[in-house]
Amino acid sequence: MTPPVTDHFNGKTFFNPGRRADAGLLDVLRWQFNRQRTPWPRWVEISPSPLPATPQDGGVAATWVNHSTFLLQTAQGSLLTDPVFSDRVGPVSWAGPRRVHAPGVAFGALPRIDVVLLSHDHYDHCDLPSLRRLAREHQPQFIAPLGHRALLAGAGATRIIELDWWQAHQPWAGFTVTLTPTQHWSRRSIGGTNRRLWGGFYLHTGTRRVWFLGDSGYDETLFREIGRRCGAPDLALIPIGAYEPRWFMQAAHMNPEEAVRTHHDAGAQRSVAMHWGTFQLTDEGREEPAHALRQARNAAGLAGEKFLTLAPGESLVA
C-alpha cells in the first residue's frame, strides 16, 4: 500500500524537506578516486562485561553491542536497535566492510528480545542475517519506518509495525515508541534510492525518555523540535563516526562537534556515542571520532560523564 503524499513523500520516494542527503554518482566517484583513508587496525580484542541486571524501577540499562546496535533492557521487555552481528556489512556475505572487533554481546548471550527497532535500510544498520536469526529464535516485534515491511517479511519477521515520522506505537502498556525524523536517505540496490523511509526512535518508558537518533546529518532546527515535542531525553544515543571527508559526508552524517551540539539541542541529560569503531565506512581513523568528541566536549564546557564513549559490551543505566 502506497503511503499518502506528505511533506517528505512525493508518492514515489521519500525525501528530506528542504535539502538532499543522498550523494549523486559523480560525488561518489569523486570521493572514491580521491580517498585518503587513515589505516585501521585489522583486529581489536575486546573484553565485554557481564550484562547488568534488568532495572526494576523504571530505568533503562543500555549496553553498546557495536556500531549502532544497543541492547536496551527494561522491566517491560528488552529491545535491540539496528542489530548487526555479521562479520561484514554488504549485499553479500563475502564483500563489504569487515568488522574489526567482535560484538560486545554475543548473539547467543542476548536475553529474550521482545522488540527490534530498525532505523533504515543501509547494510550497516539493516543486516538481514542478524534479522533472520532474531526472527527465528526470538520472534520479536519489528518496528521500522514506512517501506520496510516486505524487506522484513522476507527475513522471516511476522510481527511488523511501520511508522511515519512522528507516529507512535505502544509495544506494552505505558511504553511508547515514536519515530522521529532524521536527515538521511535509504538505498540497498540500484533503483532503490529513497524507496524506504528513515528515522530515529524516541522511547517513553513511563519514567524515562531514551532517544536513539539513528543516522543523520546535523539539523539544529529538527533536533530542537524533537526535544520540544518529545521532551528532553534522559539518555540520547548519538552517532559520532563516518564523517570524513566533510564535503561528501556532512549532509548525511554528523561529526563529533555536531554530535555535542545535538546533545544540547535536544536537551539531553546524558548521551552515549555510537556509529564508530566497528566498520571502516569512511576516511577517518578508528579512534578519531572518540578523540574529536573529547575535544568538542571540552570546547563546549561539557563534562565527560555527560557524553560518553562506551567500550563494546559496556553498559550504563539511565
C-alpha atoms as a PDB file:
ATOM      1  CA  MET A   1       0.000   0.000   0.000  1.00  0.00           C
ATOM      2  CA  THR A   2       1.465   3.349  -1.082  1.00  0.00           C
ATOM      3  CA  PRO A   3       1.539   5.999   1.669  1.00  0.00           C
ATOM      4  CA  PRO A   4      -0.211   9.322   1.050  1.00  0.00           C
ATOM      5  CA  VAL A   5       1.771  12.274  -0.279  1.00  0.00           C
ATOM      6  CA  THR A   6       3.291  14.333   2.544  1.00  0.00           C
ATOM      7  CA  ASP A   7       5.954  16.980   3.088  1.00  0.00           C
ATOM      8  CA  HIS A   8       8.562  14.154   2.907  1.00  0.00           C
ATOM      9  CA  PHE A   9       6.963  11.710   0.410  1.00  0.00           C
ATOM     10  CA  ASN A  10       6.097  12.602  -3.190  1.00  0.00           C
ATOM     11  CA  GLY A  11       4.078   9.479  -3.944  1.00  0.00           C
ATOM     12  CA  LYS A  12       7.116   7.530  -5.117  1.00  0.00           C
ATOM     13  CA  THR A  13      10.148   8.351  -2.975  1.00  0.00           C
ATOM     14  CA  PHE A  14      10.871   9.841   0.428  1.00  0.00           C
ATOM     15  CA  PHE A  15      12.963  12.974   0.882  1.00  0.00           C
ATOM     16  CA  ASN A  16      14.285  15.415   3.476  1.00  0.00           C
ATOM     17  CA  PRO A  17      12.196  18.607   3.391  1.00  0.00           C
ATOM     18  CA  GLY A  18      14.340  21.462   2.146  1.00  0.00           C
ATOM     19  CA  ARG A  19      17.556  19.575   1.479  1.00  0.00           C
ATOM     20  CA  ARG A  20      19.120  16.453  -0.010  1.00  0.00           C
ATOM     21  CA  ALA A  21      21.266  13.997   1.954  1.00  0.00           C
ATOM     22  CA  ASP A  22      21.999  11.286  -0.645  1.00  0.00           C
ATOM     23  CA  ALA A  23      25.015  11.778  -2.876  1.00  0.00           C
ATOM     24  CA  GLY A  24      24.945  11.628  -6.665  1.00  0.00           C
ATOM     25  CA  LEU A  25      27.043   9.230  -8.720  1.00  0.00           C
ATOM     26  CA  LEU A  26      29.595  11.916  -9.655  1.00  0.00           C
ATOM     27  CA  ASP A  27      30.119  12.766  -5.984  1.00  0.00           C
ATOM     28  CA  VAL A  28      30.638   9.093  -5.158  1.00  0.00           C
ATOM     29  CA  LEU A  29      33.198   8.723  -7.952  1.00  0.00           C
ATOM     30  CA  ARG A  30      34.987  11.907  -6.887  1.00  0.00           C
ATOM     31  CA  TRP A  31      35.266  10.547  -3.342  1.00  0.00           C
ATOM     32  CA  GLN A  32      36.425   7.084  -4.414  1.00  0.00           C
ATOM     33  CA  PHE A  33      39.119   8.425  -6.747  1.00  0.00           C
ATOM     34  CA  ASN A  34      40.443  10.940  -4.196  1.00  0.00           C
ATOM     35  CA  ARG A  35      40.158   8.980  -0.955  1.00  0.00           C
ATOM     36  CA  GLN A  36      42.757   9.493   1.763  1.00  0.00           C
ATOM     37  CA  ARG A  37      41.851   6.693   4.155  1.00  0.00           C
ATOM     38  CA  THR A  38      43.506   6.569   7.543  1.00  0.00           C
ATOM     39  CA  PRO A  39      44.540   2.942   8.168  1.00  0.00           C
ATOM     40  CA  TRP A  40      42.510   0.957  10.699  1.00  0.00           C
ATOM     41  CA  PRO A  41      43.748  -1.982  12.772  1.00  0.00           C
ATOM     42  CA  ARG A  42      42.885  -5.345  11.291  1.00  0.00           C
ATOM     43  CA  TRP A  43      41.507  -6.608  14.594  1.00  0.00           C
ATOM     44  CA  VAL A  44      40.915  -5.206  18.082  1.00  0.00           C
ATOM     45  CA  GLU A  45      40.469  -7.526  21.049  1.00  0.00           C
ATOM     46  CA  ILE A  46      37.714  -6.571  23.463  1.00  0.00           C
ATOM     47  CA  SER A  47      36.768  -7.701  26.957  1.00  0.00           C
ATOM     48  CA  PRO A  48      32.982  -7.497  27.301  1.00  0.00           C
ATOM     49  CA  SER A  49      31.468  -7.006  30.732  1.00  0.00           C
ATOM     50  CA  PRO A  50      28.622  -9.123  32.109  1.00  0.00           C
ATOM     51  CA  LEU A  51      25.184  -7.776  31.253  1.00  0.00           C
ATOM     52  CA  PRO A  52      23.648  -5.658  34.000  1.00  0.00           C
ATOM     53  CA  ALA A  53      20.557  -6.750  35.872  1.00  0.00           C
ATOM     54  CA  THR A  54      17.331  -5.515  34.317  1.00  0.00           C
ATOM     55  CA  PRO A  55      16.259  -2.336  36.131  1.00  0.00           C
ATOM     56  CA  GLN A  56      13.015  -2.749  38.043  1.00  0.00           C
ATOM     57  CA  ASP A  57      12.492   0.914  38.966  1.00  0.00           C
ATOM     58  CA  GLY A  58      11.520   2.180  35.520  1.00  0.00           C
ATOM     59  CA  GLY A  59      15.127   2.647  34.428  1.00  0.00           C
ATOM     60  CA  VAL A  60      16.767   1.545  31.182  1.00  0.00           C
ATOM     61  CA  ALA A  61      20.035  -0.408  31.005  1.00  0.00           C
ATOM     62  CA  ALA A  62      21.778   0.448  27.725  1.00  0.00           C
ATOM     63  CA  THR A  63      24.592  -1.828  26.502  1.00  0.00           C
ATOM     64  CA  TRP A  64      26.593  -0.872  23.417  1.00  0.00           C
ATOM     65  CA  VAL A  65      26.983  -4.015  21.318  1.00  0.00           C
ATOM     66  CA  ASN A  66      28.702  -2.392  18.341  1.00  0.00           C
ATOM     67  CA  HIS A  67      28.206   0.318  15.704  1.00  0.00           C
ATOM     68  CA  SER A  68      24.536   1.372  16.130  1.00  0.00           C
ATOM     69  CA  THR A  69      23.444  -1.785  17.944  1.00  0.00           C
ATOM     70  CA  PHE A  70      22.306  -1.264  21.544  1.00  0.00           C
ATOM     71  CA  LEU A  71      20.655  -3.716  23.880  1.00  0.00           C
ATOM     72  CA  LEU A  72      18.075  -1.810  25.936  1.00  0.00           C
ATOM     73  CA  GLN A  73      16.766  -3.691  28.967  1.00  0.00           C
ATOM     74  CA  THR A  74      13.671  -2.503  30.818  1.00  0.00           C
ATOM     75  CA  ALA A  75      11.266  -4.088  33.268  1.00  0.00           C
ATOM     76  CA  GLN A  76       8.702  -4.309  30.444  1.00  0.00           C
ATOM     77  CA  GLY A  77      10.996  -6.064  27.965  1.00  0.00           C
ATOM     78  CA  SER A  78      14.270  -5.946  26.014  1.00  0.00           C
ATOM     79  CA  LEU A  79      14.910  -4.119  22.746  1.00  0.00           C
ATOM     80  CA  LEU A  80      17.678  -4.157  20.130  1.00  0.00           C
ATOM     81  CA  THR A  81      18.465  -1.211  17.885  1.00  0.00           C
ATOM     82  CA  ASP A  82      19.783  -1.789  14.340  1.00  0.00           C
ATOM     83  CA  PRO A  83      21.099  -5.296  15.138  1.00  0.00           C
ATOM     84  CA  VAL A  84      24.331  -6.161  13.311  1.00  0.00           C
ATOM     85  CA  PHE A  85      26.188  -9.345  14.306  1.00  0.00           C
ATOM     86  CA  SER A  86      27.653 -10.351  10.915  1.00  0.00           C
ATOM     87  CA  ASP A  87      31.361 -10.209  10.079  1.00  0.00           C
ATOM     88  CA  ARG A  88      30.705  -7.941   7.100  1.00  0.00           C
ATOM     89  CA  VAL A  89      28.067  -5.384   6.146  1.00  0.00           C
ATOM     90  CA  GLY A  90      27.234  -5.508   2.452  1.00  0.00           C
ATOM     91  CA  PRO A  91      24.976  -7.054  -0.175  1.00  0.00           C
ATOM     92  CA  VAL A  92      26.725 -10.447   0.105  1.00  0.00           C
ATOM     93  CA  SER A  93      28.469 -12.189   2.994  1.00  0.00           C
ATOM     94  CA  TRP A  94      31.918 -12.083   1.363  1.00  0.00           C
ATOM     95  CA  ALA A  95      32.001  -8.367   0.462  1.00  0.00           C
ATOM     96  CA  GLY A  96      31.607  -5.050   2.194  1.00  0.00           C
ATOM     97  CA  PRO A  97      33.343  -3.517   5.224  1.00  0.00           C
ATOM     98  CA  ARG A  98      34.601  -6.121   7.703  1.00  0.00           C
ATOM     99  CA  ARG A  99      34.228  -5.658  11.440  1.00  0.00           C
ATOM    100  CA  VAL A 100      37.403  -5.038  13.445  1.00  0.00           C
ATOM    101  CA  HIS A 101      36.119  -6.305  16.783  1.00  0.00           C
ATOM    102  CA  ALA A 102      33.666  -8.928  17.986  1.00  0.00           C
ATOM    103  CA  PRO A 103      30.186  -7.852  19.081  1.00  0.00           C
ATOM    104  CA  GLY A 104      30.255  -6.601  22.673  1.00  0.00           C
ATOM    105  CA  VAL A 105      27.418  -9.028  23.402  1.00  0.00           C
ATOM    106  CA  ALA A 106      27.490 -12.341  21.532  1.00  0.00           C
ATOM    107  CA  PHE A 107      24.225 -13.234  19.824  1.00  0.00           C
ATOM    108  CA  GLY A 108      23.889 -16.347  21.966  1.00  0.00           C
ATOM    109  CA  ALA A 109      24.292 -14.270  25.142  1.00  0.00           C
ATOM    110  CA  LEU A 110      21.337 -11.994  24.394  1.00  0.00           C
ATOM    111  CA  PRO A 111      18.343 -12.096  26.705  1.00  0.00           C
ATOM    112  CA  ARG A 112      14.971 -12.663  25.105  1.00  0.00           C
ATOM    113  CA  ILE A 113      14.484  -9.836  22.585  1.00  0.00           C
ATOM    114  CA  ASP A 114      10.928  -8.527  22.532  1.00  0.00           C
ATOM    115  CA  VAL A 115      11.300  -5.597  20.121  1.00  0.00           C
ATOM    116  CA  VAL A 116      13.731  -4.764  17.305  1.00  0.00           C
ATOM    117  CA  LEU A 117      13.997  -1.119  16.239  1.00  0.00           C
ATOM    118  CA  LEU A 118      15.259  -0.664  12.652  1.00  0.00           C
ATOM    119  CA  SER A 119      16.164   2.899  11.671  1.00  0.00           C
ATOM    120  CA  HIS A 120      16.737   2.470   7.907  1.00  0.00           C
ATOM    121  CA  ASP A 121      17.802   0.008   5.230  1.00  0.00           C
ATOM    122  CA  HIS A 122      21.556   0.648   4.849  1.00  0.00           C
ATOM    123  CA  TYR A 123      23.634  -2.501   5.214  1.00  0.00           C
ATOM    124  CA  ASP A 124      25.465  -1.337   8.339  1.00  0.00           C
ATOM    125  CA  HIS A 125      22.093  -0.921  10.092  1.00  0.00           C
ATOM    126  CA  CYS A 126      19.848  -3.459   8.369  1.00  0.00           C
ATOM    127  CA  ASP A 127      21.780  -6.750   8.486  1.00  0.00           C
ATOM    128  CA  LEU A 128      19.499  -9.435   7.077  1.00  0.00           C
ATOM    129  CA  PRO A 129      21.385 -12.457   8.541  1.00  0.00           C
ATOM    130  CA  SER A 130      21.019 -10.939  12.019  1.00  0.00           C
ATOM    131  CA  LEU A 131      17.358 -10.100  11.416  1.00  0.00           C
ATOM    132  CA  ARG A 132      16.656 -13.636  10.155  1.00  0.00           C
ATOM    133  CA  ARG A 133      18.204 -15.192  13.247  1.00  0.00           C
ATOM    134  CA  LEU A 134      16.291 -12.840  15.539  1.00  0.00           C
ATOM    135  CA  ALA A 135      13.028 -13.631  13.763  1.00  0.00           C
ATOM    136  CA  ARG A 136      13.702 -17.366  14.009  1.00  0.00           C
ATOM    137  CA  GLU A 137      14.963 -17.575  17.595  1.00  0.00           C
ATOM    138  CA  HIS A 138      13.204 -14.681  19.356  1.00  0.00           C
ATOM    139  CA  GLN A 139      10.085 -13.853  17.275  1.00  0.00           C
ATOM    140  CA  PRO A 140      10.248 -10.185  18.311  1.00  0.00           C
ATOM    141  CA  GLN A 141       8.071  -7.345  17.145  1.00  0.00           C
ATOM    142  CA  PHE A 142       9.902  -5.324  14.459  1.00  0.00           C
ATOM    143  CA  ILE A 143       9.306  -1.561  14.376  1.00  0.00           C
ATOM    144  CA  ALA A 144      10.608   0.283  11.305  1.00  0.00           C
ATOM    145  CA  PRO A 145       9.905   3.342   9.142  1.00  0.00           C
ATOM    146  CA  LEU A 146       7.497   3.159   6.210  1.00  0.00           C
ATOM    147  CA  GLY A 147       8.504   0.905   3.324  1.00  0.00           C
ATOM    148  CA  HIS A 148      10.306  -1.844   5.254  1.00  0.00           C
ATOM    149  CA  ARG A 149       7.506  -4.408   5.544  1.00  0.00           C
ATOM    150  CA  ALA A 150       8.437  -6.543   2.526  1.00  0.00           C
ATOM    151  CA  LEU A 151      12.142  -6.499   3.416  1.00  0.00           C
ATOM    152  CA  LEU A 152      11.432  -7.612   6.981  1.00  0.00           C
ATOM    153  CA  ALA A 153       8.861 -10.215   5.949  1.00  0.00           C
ATOM    154  CA  GLY A 154      11.454 -11.662   3.586  1.00  0.00           C
ATOM    155  CA  ALA A 155      13.743 -12.071   6.601  1.00  0.00           C
ATOM    156  CA  GLY A 156      11.083 -14.091   8.387  1.00  0.00           C
ATOM    157  CA  ALA A 157       9.518 -11.373  10.530  1.00  0.00           C
ATOM    158  CA  THR A 158       5.811 -11.871  11.174  1.00  0.00           C
ATOM    159  CA  ARG A 159       5.099  -9.058  13.640  1.00  0.00           C
ATOM    160  CA  ILE A 160       5.907  -5.833  11.781  1.00  0.00           C
ATOM    161  CA  ILE A 161       4.926  -2.262  12.642  1.00  0.00           C
ATOM    162  CA  GLU A 162       5.683   0.506  10.127  1.00  0.00           C
ATOM    163  CA  LEU A 163       5.655   4.125  11.283  1.00  0.00           C
ATOM    164  CA  ASP A 164       5.783   7.504   9.586  1.00  0.00           C
ATOM    165  CA  TRP A 165       7.644  10.406  11.186  1.00  0.00           C
ATOM    166  CA  TRP A 166       6.039  11.398  14.498  1.00  0.00           C
ATOM    167  CA  GLN A 167       3.788   8.339  14.586  1.00  0.00           C
ATOM    168  CA  ALA A 168       3.884   6.277  17.772  1.00  0.00           C
ATOM    169  CA  HIS A 169       3.291   2.673  18.780  1.00  0.00           C
ATOM    170  CA  GLN A 170       2.893   1.030  22.195  1.00  0.00           C
ATOM    171  CA  PRO A 171       4.562  -2.398  22.379  1.00  0.00           C
ATOM    172  CA  TRP A 172       3.484  -2.563  26.038  1.00  0.00           C
ATOM    173  CA  ALA A 173       1.135  -0.581  28.225  1.00  0.00           C
ATOM    174  CA  GLY A 174       2.847   2.602  29.354  1.00  0.00           C
ATOM    175  CA  PHE A 175       5.733   2.208  26.874  1.00  0.00           C
ATOM    176  CA  THR A 176       5.655   4.316  23.693  1.00  0.00           C
ATOM    177  CA  VAL A 177       7.960   4.228  20.666  1.00  0.00           C
ATOM    178  CA  THR A 178       7.835   7.306  18.407  1.00  0.00           C
ATOM    179  CA  LEU A 179       9.575   7.506  15.021  1.00  0.00           C
ATOM    180  CA  THR A 180      11.465  10.805  14.870  1.00  0.00           C
ATOM    181  CA  PRO A 181      12.718  12.480  11.678  1.00  0.00           C
ATOM    182  CA  THR A 182      16.381  12.444  10.712  1.00  0.00           C
ATOM    183  CA  GLN A 183      18.329  13.963   7.837  1.00  0.00           C
ATOM    184  CA  HIS A 184      19.399  10.883   5.918  1.00  0.00           C
ATOM    185  CA  TRP A 185      18.479   8.640   2.957  1.00  0.00           C
ATOM    186  CA  SER A 186      17.984   4.993   2.004  1.00  0.00           C
ATOM    187  CA  ARG A 187      19.100   2.506  -0.659  1.00  0.00           C
ATOM    188  CA  ARG A 188      20.010  -1.185  -0.814  1.00  0.00           C
ATOM    189  CA  SER A 189      20.087  -1.627  -4.592  1.00  0.00           C
ATOM    190  CA  ILE A 190      20.307   0.283  -7.857  1.00  0.00           C
ATOM    191  CA  GLY A 191      16.968   1.953  -8.444  1.00  0.00           C
ATOM    192  CA  GLY A 192      16.001   1.692  -4.785  1.00  0.00           C
ATOM    193  CA  THR A 193      17.086   5.137  -3.644  1.00  0.00           C
ATOM    194  CA  ASN A 194      14.751   6.583  -1.005  1.00  0.00           C
ATOM    195  CA  ARG A 195      12.012   3.997  -1.551  1.00  0.00           C
ATOM    196  CA  ARG A 196      12.035   3.381   2.213  1.00  0.00           C
ATOM    197  CA  LEU A 197      11.814   6.000   4.958  1.00  0.00           C
ATOM    198  CA  TRP A 198      14.498   6.543   7.613  1.00  0.00           C
ATOM    199  CA  GLY A 199      14.363   7.872  11.166  1.00  0.00           C
ATOM    200  CA  GLY A 200      15.242   7.579  14.832  1.00  0.00           C
ATOM    201  CA  PHE A 201      13.244   6.266  17.782  1.00  0.00           C
ATOM    202  CA  TYR A 202      12.143   8.097  20.904  1.00  0.00           C
ATOM    203  CA  LEU A 203      11.202   5.779  23.775  1.00  0.00           C
ATOM    204  CA  HIS A 204       8.936   6.807  26.650  1.00  0.00           C
ATOM    205  CA  THR A 205       9.087   4.079  29.290  1.00  0.00           C
ATOM    206  CA  GLY A 206       6.791   5.816  31.745  1.00  0.00           C
ATOM    207  CA  THR A 207       9.611   7.211  33.873  1.00  0.00           C
ATOM    208  CA  ARG A 208      12.484   7.539  31.365  1.00  0.00           C
ATOM    209  CA  ARG A 209      12.986   9.030  27.928  1.00  0.00           C
ATOM    210  CA  VAL A 210      15.558   7.472  25.582  1.00  0.00           C
ATOM    211  CA  TRP A 211      16.310   8.828  22.107  1.00  0.00           C
ATOM    212  CA  PHE A 212      18.044   6.548  19.606  1.00  0.00           C
ATOM    213  CA  LEU A 213      18.958   9.011  16.873  1.00  0.00           C
ATOM    214  CA  GLY A 214      19.720   6.608  14.008  1.00  0.00           C
ATOM    215  CA  ASP A 215      21.839   8.100  11.190  1.00  0.00           C
ATOM    216  CA  SER A 216      21.616  11.810  10.450  1.00  0.00           C
ATOM    217  CA  GLY A 217      23.326  14.921   9.269  1.00  0.00           C
ATOM    218  CA  TYR A 218      23.195  17.830  11.688  1.00  0.00           C
ATOM    219  CA  ASP A 219      19.966  19.860  11.790  1.00  0.00           C
ATOM    220  CA  GLU A 220      19.638  22.239  14.735  1.00  0.00           C
ATOM    221  CA  THR A 221      16.020  23.123  13.996  1.00  0.00           C
ATOM    222  CA  LEU A 222      14.943  19.493  13.735  1.00  0.00           C
ATOM    223  CA  PHE A 223      16.727  18.346  16.891  1.00  0.00           C
ATOM    224  CA  ARG A 224      15.355  21.235  18.930  1.00  0.00           C
ATOM    225  CA  GLU A 225      11.877  20.362  17.658  1.00  0.00           C
ATOM    226  CA  ILE A 226      12.319  16.740  18.752  1.00  0.00           C
ATOM    227  CA  GLY A 227      13.281  17.912  22.231  1.00  0.00           C
ATOM    228  CA  ARG A 228      10.247  20.194  22.376  1.00  0.00           C
ATOM    229  CA  ARG A 229       7.759  17.639  21.069  1.00  0.00           C
ATOM    230  CA  CYS A 230       9.027  14.544  22.860  1.00  0.00           C
ATOM    231  CA  GLY A 231      10.702  16.032  25.928  1.00  0.00           C
ATOM    232  CA  ALA A 232      14.339  16.284  26.955  1.00  0.00           C
ATOM    233  CA  PRO A 233      15.794  12.755  26.832  1.00  0.00           C
ATOM    234  CA  ASP A 234      17.304  11.208  29.934  1.00  0.00           C
ATOM    235  CA  LEU A 235      19.593   9.320  27.559  1.00  0.00           C
ATOM    236  CA  ALA A 236      20.430  10.092  23.921  1.00  0.00           C
ATOM    237  CA  LEU A 237      22.272   7.609  21.680  1.00  0.00           C
ATOM    238  CA  ILE A 238      24.030   9.810  19.117  1.00  0.00           C
ATOM    239  CA  PRO A 239      26.248   8.895  16.121  1.00  0.00           C
ATOM    240  CA  ILE A 240      29.756  10.374  16.021  1.00  0.00           C
ATOM    241  CA  GLY A 241      31.502   8.460  13.196  1.00  0.00           C
ATOM    242  CA  ALA A 242      31.622   8.032   9.396  1.00  0.00           C
ATOM    243  CA  TYR A 243      32.014  11.760   8.755  1.00  0.00           C
ATOM    244  CA  GLU A 244      35.107  12.289   6.557  1.00  0.00           C
ATOM    245  CA  PRO A 245      35.519  13.861   4.067  1.00  0.00           C
ATOM    246  CA  ARG A 246      33.124  16.552   5.222  1.00  0.00           C
ATOM    247  CA  TRP A 247      32.259  17.820   1.721  1.00  0.00           C
ATOM    248  CA  PHE A 248      30.827  14.368   0.978  1.00  0.00           C
ATOM    249  CA  MET A 249      29.504  13.127   4.333  1.00  0.00           C
ATOM    250  CA  GLN A 250      28.195  16.271   6.004  1.00  0.00           C
ATOM    251  CA  ALA A 251      24.624  16.083   4.704  1.00  0.00           C
ATOM    252  CA  ALA A 252      24.087  12.529   5.973  1.00  0.00           C
ATOM    253  CA  HIS A 253      26.486  12.010   8.932  1.00  0.00           C
ATOM    254  CA  MET A 254      27.284  14.417  11.743  1.00  0.00           C
ATOM    255  CA  ASN A 255      30.784  14.751  13.162  1.00  0.00           C
ATOM    256  CA  PRO A 256      31.609  14.754  16.901  1.00  0.00           C
ATOM    257  CA  GLU A 257      31.374  18.545  17.216  1.00  0.00           C
ATOM    258  CA  GLU A 258      27.885  18.435  15.701  1.00  0.00           C
ATOM    259  CA  ALA A 259      27.018  15.494  17.948  1.00  0.00           C
ATOM    260  CA  VAL A 260      27.764  17.662  21.003  1.00  0.00           C
ATOM    261  CA  ARG A 261      25.509  20.370  19.554  1.00  0.00           C
ATOM    262  CA  THR A 262      22.803  17.741  19.063  1.00  0.00           C
ATOM    263  CA  HIS A 263      23.115  16.762  22.730  1.00  0.00           C
ATOM    264  CA  HIS A 264      22.484  20.396  23.684  1.00  0.00           C
ATOM    265  CA  ASP A 265      19.784  20.990  21.055  1.00  0.00           C
ATOM    266  CA  ALA A 266      17.622  18.141  22.343  1.00  0.00           C
ATOM    267  CA  GLY A 267      18.301  18.994  25.987  1.00  0.00           C
ATOM    268  CA  ALA A 268      19.718  15.535  26.744  1.00  0.00           C
ATOM    269  CA  GLN A 269      20.689  14.786  30.335  1.00  0.00           C
ATOM    270  CA  ARG A 270      23.286  12.270  29.190  1.00  0.00           C
ATOM    271  CA  SER A 271      24.431  10.925  25.814  1.00  0.00           C
ATOM    272  CA  VAL A 272      26.338   7.890  24.555  1.00  0.00           C
ATOM    273  CA  ALA A 273      28.283   7.793  21.290  1.00  0.00           C
ATOM    274  CA  MET A 274      27.556   5.223  18.603  1.00  0.00           C
ATOM    275  CA  HIS A 275      28.257   4.568  14.890  1.00  0.00           C
ATOM    276  CA  TRP A 276      32.031   4.429  15.274  1.00  0.00           C
ATOM    277  CA  GLY A 277      34.884   1.988  15.778  1.00  0.00           C
ATOM    278  CA  THR A 278      33.388  -1.205  14.290  1.00  0.00           C
ATOM    279  CA  PHE A 279      33.366  -0.873  10.477  1.00  0.00           C
ATOM    280  CA  GLN A 280      35.586   1.403   8.401  1.00  0.00           C
ATOM    281  CA  LEU A 281      32.990   3.149   6.276  1.00  0.00           C
ATOM    282  CA  THR A 282      34.701   6.473   5.582  1.00  0.00           C
ATOM    283  CA  ASP A 283      38.137   8.097   5.748  1.00  0.00           C
ATOM    284  CA  GLU A 284      38.768   8.974   9.400  1.00  0.00           C
ATOM    285  CA  GLY A 285      40.794   6.686  11.651  1.00  0.00           C
ATOM    286  CA  ARG A 286      39.162   4.296  14.083  1.00  0.00           C
ATOM    287  CA  GLU A 287      39.928   6.314  17.224  1.00  0.00           C
ATOM    288  CA  GLU A 288      39.497   9.772  15.667  1.00  0.00           C
ATOM    289  CA  PRO A 289      35.771  10.116  16.498  1.00  0.00           C
ATOM    290  CA  ALA A 290      36.426   9.420  20.191  1.00  0.00           C
ATOM    291  CA  HIS A 291      39.349  11.886  20.292  1.00  0.00           C
ATOM    292  CA  ALA A 292      37.325  14.526  18.438  1.00  0.00           C
ATOM    293  CA  LEU A 293      34.397  14.004  20.820  1.00  0.00           C
ATOM    294  CA  ARG A 294      36.635  14.728  23.815  1.00  0.00           C
ATOM    295  CA  GLN A 295      37.874  17.913  22.144  1.00  0.00           C
ATOM    296  CA  ALA A 296      34.344  19.022  21.244  1.00  0.00           C
ATOM    297  CA  ARG A 297      33.145  18.276  24.771  1.00  0.00           C
ATOM    298  CA  ASN A 298      35.948  20.348  26.278  1.00  0.00           C
ATOM    299  CA  ALA A 299      35.338  23.220  23.871  1.00  0.00           C
ATOM    300  CA  ALA A 300      31.652  23.245  24.839  1.00  0.00           C
ATOM    301  CA  GLY A 301      32.383  23.020  28.564  1.00  0.00           C
ATOM    302  CA  LEU A 302      30.554  19.691  28.761  1.00  0.00           C
ATOM    303  CA  ALA A 303      31.582  17.274  31.499  1.00  0.00           C
ATOM    304  CA  GLY A 304      32.877  13.919  30.328  1.00  0.00           C
ATOM    305  CA  GLU A 305      30.143  11.929  32.064  1.00  0.00           C
ATOM    306  CA  LYS A 306      27.512  13.886  30.136  1.00  0.00           C
ATOM    307  CA  PHE A 307      28.562  12.470  26.731  1.00  0.00           C
ATOM    308  CA  LEU A 308      30.286   9.113  26.988  1.00  0.00           C
ATOM    309  CA  THR A 309      32.017   6.651  24.732  1.00  0.00           C
ATOM    310  CA  LEU A 310      31.474   3.069  25.880  1.00  0.00           C
ATOM    311  CA  ALA A 311      33.643   0.063  25.130  1.00  0.00           C
ATOM    312  CA  PRO A 312      31.833  -2.700  23.228  1.00  0.00           C
ATOM    313  CA  GLY A 313      29.813  -4.613  25.788  1.00  0.00           C
ATOM    314  CA  GLU A 314      29.900  -1.798  28.349  1.00  0.00           C
ATOM    315  CA  SER A 315      26.617  -0.618  29.893  1.00  0.00           C
ATOM    316  CA  LEU A 316      25.075   2.254  31.764  1.00  0.00           C
ATOM    317  CA  VAL A 317      21.717   2.635  33.468  1.00  0.00           C
ATOM    318  CA  ALA A 318      19.558   5.706  32.906  1.00  0.00           C
END
